């Protein structure tokens, strides 16, 4: 039933966590992953070899799924999430494809196919003249990325990711859809919810390491496993568990077990062979970083807001960066690699290249947020609200509501 209590003030602790996580992703991709994909992109003053930022962003997302879904009608909540995520993603995919077509053909030293359709979809003729040629995306890649089905075809060389960071979008949308479908069900008791969370952690591990073998898993099974996001459902489970604990619905010892299980699952899913492969980040920095960030998420969820000395001075900048974090995430990787290569071609050293690429990502993230994400979201949700005015009154987002029994 509706609760007239006012919305709690924004906590700087969540903004700090979002900014730390997204910059961990950016620095890892630019300074470490970029050199693995494009060996010429080296020379940075340091390398961030830990991989935990994207997983923590999904943990935070799961936490706020619970915090926001309980405030209103699930279908409306789901549409709000789709309207926020999908339009910006589609625009960035299209821009990335066009920029990548131009840049990769130039970087490979190939001639442009004639005409607009040739430029967008044609096959450049001749062997690459550059010693470090780049993969030139195709029309099939564009369609696959727009449809978010990259994971279902790249193993068969049907199409490829335009940007490696895009894997989180279909995983998030699947999670949001599942949450909207399961939330209002009367059978969703507290005990069953906790059991489901443990299943989200343990069942994917059972499938990957007991039913199948990571060394010899059939390609089709691997495609379904990753395509359905089973390698990352543990991060949604721990996010929901932390929310239950923050609401005093889960005991301290129980959430501690969830944190330990989530860390073990993260380690097994990212490093199934318990050792670093040539294309992997480093194992222990990744695991330790994930564990520390999980503990900080717990502190933010149940503890007081963070008021460290000096934090109030940078709070406006942190809040602003947190507000454009989704746009930052979308634009930083492949477009960042392209900018880094362009800067390298004109002789910009690594120590200067890094801040330029980071600043460009911030600018691009702000442009996506201010120019696409927020206005399109506002337009799409306003249209839906107008259509629903003739029906029963809707609960506003600022009015918490308990839906579908205990959680």
Protein backbone atom coordinates (compact mmCIF):
# COMPACT_ATOMS: atom_id res chain seq x y z
CA UNK A 1 0.00 0.00 0.00
CA UNK A 2 1.21 3.53 -0.65
CA UNK A 3 3.52 5.17 1.82
CA UNK A 4 3.54 8.94 2.00
CA UNK A 5 7.02 9.16 3.49
CA UNK A 6 9.28 11.56 1.58
CA UNK A 7 12.05 10.31 -0.66
CA UNK A 8 15.35 9.88 1.17
CA UNK A 9 18.06 12.38 0.23
CA UNK A 10 20.62 11.30 -2.34
CA UNK A 11 23.60 9.54 -0.75
CA UNK A 12 27.04 10.50 -1.98
CA UNK A 13 28.28 7.01 -1.07
CA UNK A 14 26.41 5.44 -4.01
CA UNK A 15 27.74 8.08 -6.39
CA UNK A 16 31.31 7.41 -5.21
CA UNK A 17 30.87 3.67 -5.80
CA UNK A 18 29.46 4.20 -9.29
CA UNK A 19 32.27 6.55 -10.27
CA UNK A 20 35.00 4.27 -8.88
CA UNK A 21 33.48 1.27 -10.66
CA UNK A 22 33.05 2.94 -14.04
CA UNK A 23 36.55 4.45 -13.94
CA UNK A 24 37.96 1.05 -13.01
CA UNK A 25 36.29 -0.31 -16.16
CA UNK A 26 37.60 2.56 -18.28
CA UNK A 27 41.17 2.40 -17.03
CA UNK A 28 41.26 -1.38 -17.37
CA UNK A 29 40.02 -1.25 -20.95
CA UNK A 30 42.26 1.64 -22.02
CA UNK A 31 45.53 0.66 -20.33
CA UNK A 32 45.29 -3.16 -20.38
CA UNK A 33 42.63 -4.61 -22.68
CA UNK A 34 43.43 -2.16 -25.47
CA UNK A 35 46.98 -3.42 -25.80
CA UNK A 36 45.76 -7.03 -25.98
CA UNK A 37 43.44 -6.20 -28.87
CA UNK A 38 45.74 -3.67 -30.55
CA UNK A 39 49.41 -4.26 -29.62
CA UNK A 40 50.45 -0.78 -30.71
CA UNK A 41 48.33 0.87 -27.99
CA UNK A 42 50.99 0.78 -25.29
CA UNK A 43 53.14 3.32 -23.49
CA UNK A 44 50.71 4.38 -20.78
CA UNK A 45 52.27 5.35 -17.43
CA UNK A 46 50.52 2.43 -15.69
CA UNK A 47 48.27 -0.55 -16.39
CA UNK A 48 45.08 -1.44 -14.53
CA UNK A 49 44.93 -5.23 -14.78
CA UNK A 50 42.11 -5.81 -12.27
CA UNK A 51 38.65 -6.61 -13.61
CA UNK A 52 35.79 -5.89 -11.22
CA UNK A 53 34.14 -2.60 -12.24
CA UNK A 54 31.41 -3.93 -14.54
CA UNK A 55 30.44 -6.62 -12.02
CA UNK A 56 30.10 -4.02 -9.25
CA UNK A 57 27.97 -1.80 -11.50
CA UNK A 58 25.63 -4.79 -11.96
CA UNK A 59 25.57 -5.41 -8.19
CA UNK A 60 24.52 -1.79 -7.63
CA UNK A 61 21.96 -2.11 -10.42
CA UNK A 62 20.42 -5.18 -8.76
CA UNK A 63 20.27 -3.39 -5.40
CA UNK A 64 18.37 -0.47 -6.89
CA UNK A 65 16.09 -2.79 -8.85
CA UNK A 66 14.69 -3.84 -5.48
CA UNK A 67 14.67 -0.29 -4.12
CA UNK A 68 12.77 1.09 -7.12
CA UNK A 69 10.57 -1.85 -8.20
CA UNK A 70 8.78 -1.92 -4.85
CA UNK A 71 7.57 1.66 -5.46
CA UNK A 72 5.24 1.07 -8.38
CA UNK A 73 3.60 -1.14 -10.97
CA UNK A 74 6.09 -3.63 -12.52
CA UNK A 75 5.20 -3.02 -16.16
CA UNK A 76 5.62 0.71 -15.77
CA UNK A 77 8.88 0.18 -13.89
CA UNK A 78 10.15 -2.11 -16.67
CA UNK A 79 9.26 0.41 -19.37
CA UNK A 80 11.11 3.12 -17.47
CA UNK A 81 14.27 0.98 -17.48
CA UNK A 82 13.95 0.11 -21.17
CA UNK A 83 13.31 3.74 -22.08
CA UNK A 84 16.41 4.76 -20.14
CA UNK A 85 18.83 2.15 -21.49
CA UNK A 86 17.86 1.12 -25.00
CA UNK A 87 17.59 4.38 -27.03
CA UNK A 88 21.00 5.65 -25.88
CA UNK A 89 22.50 2.25 -26.62
CA UNK A 90 21.06 2.16 -30.15
CA UNK A 91 22.37 5.64 -30.93
CA UNK A 92 25.85 4.85 -29.60
CA UNK A 93 25.97 1.56 -31.54
CA UNK A 94 25.15 3.39 -34.77
CA UNK A 95 27.72 6.14 -34.14
CA UNK A 96 30.36 3.61 -33.14
CA UNK A 97 29.75 1.61 -36.32
CA UNK A 98 30.12 4.63 -38.61
CA UNK A 99 33.23 5.92 -36.80
CA UNK A 100 34.75 2.44 -36.69
CA UNK A 101 34.16 1.87 -40.41
CA UNK A 102 36.02 5.05 -41.28
CA UNK A 103 38.80 4.62 -38.72
CA UNK A 104 39.54 0.92 -39.24
CA UNK A 105 39.74 1.26 -43.02
CA UNK A 106 42.15 4.18 -42.59
CA UNK A 107 44.17 2.42 -39.88
CA UNK A 108 44.52 -0.66 -42.09
CA UNK A 109 45.77 1.40 -45.04
CA UNK A 110 42.95 0.31 -47.36
CA UNK A 111 40.96 2.31 -49.94
CA UNK A 112 37.36 3.23 -49.15
CA UNK A 113 34.75 1.37 -51.20
CA UNK A 114 32.93 3.79 -53.56
CA UNK A 115 29.65 5.46 -52.61
CA UNK A 116 27.84 5.83 -49.29
CA UNK A 117 26.60 2.24 -49.27
CA UNK A 118 30.11 1.08 -50.13
CA UNK A 119 31.55 3.06 -47.26
CA UNK A 120 28.98 1.72 -44.81
CA UNK A 121 28.77 -1.90 -45.93
CA UNK A 122 31.27 -2.59 -48.72
CA UNK A 123 34.42 -4.72 -48.50
CA UNK A 124 37.65 -2.75 -48.99
CA UNK A 125 39.82 -4.21 -51.74
CA UNK A 126 43.45 -5.21 -51.42
CA UNK A 127 45.69 -6.37 -48.59
CA UNK A 128 46.21 -4.06 -45.58
CA UNK A 129 49.30 -1.90 -45.88
CA UNK A 130 49.53 -1.07 -42.18
CA UNK A 131 51.53 -3.53 -40.03
CA UNK A 132 48.76 -3.45 -37.39
CA UNK A 133 45.48 -3.71 -39.35
CA UNK A 134 42.19 -3.44 -37.49
CA UNK A 135 39.07 -5.55 -37.92
CA UNK A 136 36.63 -3.70 -40.19
CA UNK A 137 33.03 -4.09 -38.95
CA UNK A 138 30.34 -5.28 -41.35
CA UNK A 139 26.63 -4.73 -41.78
CA UNK A 140 25.99 -8.04 -40.03
CA UNK A 141 27.92 -6.72 -37.02
CA UNK A 142 25.76 -3.60 -36.99
CA UNK A 143 22.49 -5.56 -37.07
CA UNK A 144 23.68 -8.01 -34.42
CA UNK A 145 24.75 -5.21 -32.08
CA UNK A 146 21.52 -3.28 -32.61
CA UNK A 147 19.62 -6.46 -31.78
CA UNK A 148 21.92 -7.26 -28.82
CA UNK A 149 22.51 -10.80 -30.09
CA UNK A 150 26.30 -10.58 -30.45
CA UNK A 151 26.89 -13.35 -27.91
CA UNK A 152 24.81 -15.76 -29.98
CA UNK A 153 26.93 -15.58 -33.13
CA UNK A 154 30.53 -14.55 -32.61
CA UNK A 155 31.70 -18.08 -31.75
CA UNK A 156 30.43 -19.16 -35.16
CA UNK A 157 32.07 -16.12 -36.81
CA UNK A 158 28.67 -14.85 -37.97
CA UNK A 159 29.15 -11.39 -36.44
CA UNK A 160 31.14 -9.69 -33.72
CA UNK A 161 30.86 -7.15 -30.94
CA UNK A 162 31.37 -3.57 -32.10
CA UNK A 163 32.39 -2.81 -28.52
CA UNK A 164 33.27 -5.40 -25.90
CA UNK A 165 31.48 -3.42 -23.18
CA UNK A 166 28.10 -4.03 -24.80
CA UNK A 167 27.73 -7.48 -23.19
CA UNK A 168 26.12 -5.96 -20.09
CA UNK A 169 23.07 -4.54 -21.90
CA UNK A 170 21.24 -7.79 -22.81
CA UNK A 171 22.19 -9.25 -19.42
CA UNK A 172 20.66 -6.26 -17.63
CA UNK A 173 17.51 -6.31 -19.76
CA UNK A 174 17.03 -10.03 -19.09
CA UNK A 175 17.43 -9.37 -15.36
CA UNK A 176 15.00 -6.44 -15.44
CA UNK A 177 12.43 -8.53 -17.33
CA UNK A 178 12.77 -11.41 -14.86
CA UNK A 179 12.41 -8.99 -11.92
CA UNK A 180 9.28 -7.40 -13.36
CA UNK A 181 7.70 -10.82 -13.97
CA UNK A 182 8.59 -12.35 -10.59
CA UNK A 183 8.07 -9.39 -8.27
CA UNK A 184 4.25 -9.33 -7.97
CA UNK A 185 3.78 -13.09 -7.55
CA UNK A 186 1.99 -14.22 -4.38
CA UNK A 187 4.14 -17.35 -4.07
CA UNK A 188 7.27 -15.22 -3.80
CA UNK A 189 7.75 -15.72 -0.06
CA UNK A 190 10.88 -14.63 1.78
CA UNK A 191 12.18 -18.19 2.12
CA UNK A 192 11.60 -18.92 -1.56
CA UNK A 193 13.28 -15.64 -2.57
CA UNK A 194 16.40 -16.46 -0.54
CA UNK A 195 16.46 -19.95 -2.03
CA UNK A 196 16.22 -18.47 -5.52
CA UNK A 197 19.19 -16.19 -4.77
CA UNK A 198 21.30 -19.16 -3.72
CA UNK A 199 20.22 -20.97 -6.89
CA UNK A 200 21.38 -18.02 -9.00
CA UNK A 201 24.86 -18.43 -7.53
CA UNK A 202 25.15 -22.21 -7.33
CA UNK A 203 23.23 -23.55 -10.36
CA UNK A 204 25.41 -21.80 -13.01
CA UNK A 205 28.52 -23.13 -11.25
CA UNK A 206 27.03 -26.63 -11.18
CA UNK A 207 26.26 -26.44 -14.89
CA UNK A 208 29.68 -25.12 -15.85
CA UNK A 209 31.89 -27.30 -13.66
CA UNK A 210 29.87 -30.46 -12.89
CA UNK A 211 27.46 -31.04 -15.77
CA UNK A 212 30.01 -29.72 -18.28
CA UNK A 213 33.74 -29.11 -18.28
CA UNK A 214 35.16 -25.64 -19.02
CA UNK A 215 37.88 -27.25 -21.14
CA UNK A 216 35.56 -29.20 -23.44
CA UNK A 217 32.19 -27.45 -23.20
CA UNK A 218 30.37 -27.74 -26.56
CA UNK A 219 30.19 -24.49 -28.47
CA UNK A 220 26.38 -24.53 -28.49
CA UNK A 221 26.20 -24.98 -24.71
CA UNK A 222 28.71 -22.19 -24.20
CA UNK A 223 26.67 -19.92 -26.45
CA UNK A 224 23.50 -20.50 -24.43
CA UNK A 225 25.38 -20.19 -21.13
CA UNK A 226 26.83 -16.80 -21.96
CA UNK A 227 23.92 -15.65 -24.10
CA UNK A 228 21.55 -16.05 -21.15
CA UNK A 229 24.02 -14.27 -18.87
CA UNK A 230 24.44 -17.27 -16.54
CA UNK A 231 28.09 -16.36 -16.02
CA UNK A 232 27.02 -13.14 -14.27
CA UNK A 233 23.74 -13.90 -12.47
CA UNK A 234 25.63 -14.18 -9.17
CA UNK A 235 26.19 -10.41 -9.18
CA UNK A 236 22.44 -9.82 -9.33
CA UNK A 237 21.95 -12.35 -6.52
CA UNK A 238 24.39 -10.59 -4.20
CA UNK A 239 22.90 -7.19 -5.02
CA UNK A 240 19.43 -8.43 -4.02
CA UNK A 241 20.83 -10.15 -0.92
CA UNK A 242 22.49 -6.91 0.22
CA UNK A 243 19.18 -5.08 -0.27
CA UNK A 244 17.38 -7.67 1.89
CA UNK A 245 20.07 -7.27 4.53
CA UNK A 246 19.80 -3.47 4.39
CA UNK A 247 16.04 -3.85 5.03
CA UNK A 248 16.73 -6.13 8.05
CA UNK A 249 15.28 -9.13 6.21
CA UNK A 250 18.54 -11.09 6.16
CA UNK A 251 20.82 -11.85 9.11
CA UNK A 252 24.44 -10.68 9.30
CA UNK A 253 25.80 -14.21 9.06
CA UNK A 254 23.60 -14.94 6.06
CA UNK A 255 24.70 -11.92 4.05
CA UNK A 256 28.32 -12.75 4.95
CA UNK A 257 27.82 -16.19 3.38
CA UNK A 258 26.31 -14.55 0.31
CA UNK A 259 29.33 -12.22 -0.01
CA UNK A 260 31.77 -15.12 0.28
CA UNK A 261 29.79 -17.20 -2.22
CA UNK A 262 29.59 -14.29 -4.67
CA UNK A 263 33.36 -13.74 -4.46
CA UNK A 264 33.98 -17.44 -5.09
CA UNK A 265 31.54 -17.44 -8.01
CA UNK A 266 33.16 -14.33 -9.49
CA UNK A 267 36.57 -15.96 -9.27
CA UNK A 268 35.39 -19.21 -10.83
CA UNK A 269 33.42 -17.55 -13.63
CA UNK A 270 36.21 -15.13 -14.62
CA UNK A 271 39.11 -17.52 -13.97
CA UNK A 272 37.71 -21.05 -14.43
CA UNK A 273 41.20 -22.54 -14.65
CA UNK A 274 42.44 -20.71 -11.53
CA UNK A 275 45.20 -19.09 -13.52
CA UNK A 276 45.65 -16.08 -15.74
CA UNK A 277 45.41 -16.75 -19.46
CA UNK A 278 47.17 -14.51 -22.01
CA UNK A 279 44.03 -12.42 -22.61
CA UNK A 280 42.91 -12.26 -18.97
CA UNK A 281 43.23 -9.57 -16.34
CA UNK A 282 45.21 -10.53 -13.25
CA UNK A 283 43.36 -12.90 -10.96
CA UNK A 284 44.14 -11.72 -7.45
CA UNK A 285 43.81 -7.96 -8.05
CA UNK A 286 40.47 -8.70 -9.72
CA UNK A 287 39.18 -10.84 -6.86
CA UNK A 288 40.46 -8.52 -4.13
CA UNK A 289 39.04 -5.47 -5.89
CA UNK A 290 35.66 -7.18 -6.27
CA UNK A 291 35.61 -8.21 -2.59
CA UNK A 292 36.57 -4.74 -1.33
CA UNK A 293 33.96 -3.08 -3.51
CA UNK A 294 31.31 -5.55 -2.28
CA UNK A 295 32.11 -4.61 1.31
CA UNK A 296 31.83 -0.93 0.40
CA UNK A 297 28.45 -1.62 -1.20
CA UNK A 298 27.37 -3.19 2.10
CA UNK A 299 28.54 -0.09 3.99
CA UNK A 300 26.67 2.19 1.62
CA UNK A 301 23.52 0.06 1.82
CA UNK A 302 23.15 -0.08 5.58
CA UNK A 303 25.55 2.46 7.07
CA UNK A 304 25.37 6.25 7.24
CA UNK A 305 26.21 8.36 4.23
CA UNK A 306 29.91 8.96 3.75
CA UNK A 307 31.11 12.33 5.02
CA UNK A 308 34.87 12.06 4.78
CA UNK A 309 37.04 15.19 5.02
CA UNK A 310 37.16 16.85 1.63
CA UNK A 311 34.41 14.68 0.11
CA UNK A 312 31.85 17.47 0.34
CA UNK A 313 34.09 19.66 -1.83
CA UNK A 314 34.13 17.19 -4.69
CA UNK A 315 30.57 15.91 -4.14
CA UNK A 316 29.06 17.95 -7.01
CA UNK A 317 31.65 16.58 -9.46
CA UNK A 318 31.18 13.02 -8.18
CA UNK A 319 27.39 13.29 -8.45
CA UNK A 320 27.68 14.70 -11.97
CA UNK A 321 29.99 11.88 -13.08
CA UNK A 322 27.69 9.29 -11.49
CA UNK A 323 24.80 10.82 -13.42
CA UNK A 324 26.55 10.27 -16.76
CA UNK A 325 28.09 6.90 -15.82
CA UNK A 326 25.90 4.95 -18.26
CA UNK A 327 26.89 7.22 -21.14
CA UNK A 328 30.53 6.94 -20.06
CA UNK A 329 30.29 3.17 -20.08
CA UNK A 330 28.79 3.11 -23.57
CA UNK A 331 31.34 5.33 -25.32
CA UNK A 332 34.68 4.71 -23.63
CA UNK A 333 35.98 1.43 -25.05
CA UNK A 334 35.99 1.07 -28.84
CA UNK A 335 35.74 4.78 -29.51
CA UNK A 336 38.49 5.25 -26.93
CA UNK A 337 40.72 2.76 -28.78
CA UNK A 338 40.12 4.61 -32.03
CA UNK A 339 40.99 7.95 -30.48
CA UNK A 340 44.09 6.45 -28.85
CA UNK A 341 45.28 5.08 -32.20
CA UNK A 342 44.63 8.42 -33.91
CA UNK A 343 46.65 10.19 -31.21
CA UNK A 344 49.41 7.61 -31.54
CA UNK A 345 49.55 8.23 -35.29
CA UNK A 346 50.35 11.91 -34.71
CA UNK A 347 52.99 11.14 -32.08
CA UNK A 348 51.14 11.81 -28.81
CA UNK A 349 52.97 9.94 -25.99
CA UNK A 350 51.17 7.55 -23.67
CA UNK A 351 51.30 9.77 -20.59
CA UNK A 352 49.38 12.46 -22.50
CA UNK A 353 47.24 10.06 -24.52
CA UNK A 354 45.61 8.62 -21.39
CA UNK A 355 44.11 11.85 -19.96
CA UNK A 356 42.98 12.92 -23.45
CA UNK A 357 41.12 9.63 -23.98
CA UNK A 358 39.57 9.82 -20.50
CA UNK A 359 38.49 13.43 -21.02
CA UNK A 360 37.00 12.56 -24.41
CA UNK A 361 35.07 9.68 -22.82
CA UNK A 362 33.67 12.04 -20.17
CA UNK A 363 32.66 14.53 -22.87
CA UNK A 364 31.08 11.78 -24.97
CA UNK A 365 29.31 10.30 -21.96
CA UNK A 366 27.86 13.69 -21.09
CA UNK A 367 26.71 14.21 -24.71
CA UNK A 368 24.94 10.83 -24.76
CA UNK A 369 23.31 11.46 -21.38
CA UNK A 370 22.20 15.04 -22.03
CA UNK A 371 21.43 14.66 -25.73
CA UNK A 372 19.85 11.20 -25.91
CA UNK A 373 19.36 9.26 -22.68
CA UNK A 374 17.49 11.84 -20.58
CA UNK A 375 15.37 13.59 -23.23
CA UNK A 376 14.32 10.38 -24.98
CA UNK A 377 13.55 8.71 -21.66
CA UNK A 378 11.46 11.71 -20.65
CA UNK A 379 9.60 11.70 -23.98
CA UNK A 380 8.88 7.96 -23.95
CA UNK A 381 7.71 7.84 -20.35
CA UNK A 382 5.61 11.02 -20.72
CA UNK A 383 3.80 9.52 -23.71
CA UNK A 384 3.04 6.38 -21.71
CA UNK A 385 1.81 8.43 -18.76
CA UNK A 386 -0.57 10.35 -21.03
CA UNK A 387 -2.02 7.14 -22.41
CA UNK A 388 -2.57 5.82 -18.89
CA UNK A 389 -4.31 8.93 -17.54
CA UNK A 390 -7.68 7.63 -18.66
CA UNK A 391 -7.14 4.45 -16.62
CA UNK A 392 -6.69 3.94 -12.90
CA UNK A 393 -4.37 6.30 -11.02
CA UNK A 394 -0.69 5.33 -11.15
CA UNK A 395 1.64 5.33 -8.18
CA UNK A 396 4.34 7.95 -8.62
CA UNK A 397 7.96 6.90 -8.46
CA UNK A 398 8.47 8.95 -5.30
CA UNK A 399 5.78 7.00 -3.43
CA UNK A 400 7.13 3.70 -2.07
CA UNK A 401 4.68 0.83 -2.35
CA UNK A 402 4.79 -2.79 -1.25
CA UNK A 403 3.84 -5.08 -4.08
CA UNK A 404 3.13 -8.79 -4.08
CA UNK A 405 3.79 -9.92 -0.53
CA UNK A 406 6.94 -10.33 1.54
CA UNK A 407 10.33 -10.28 -0.13
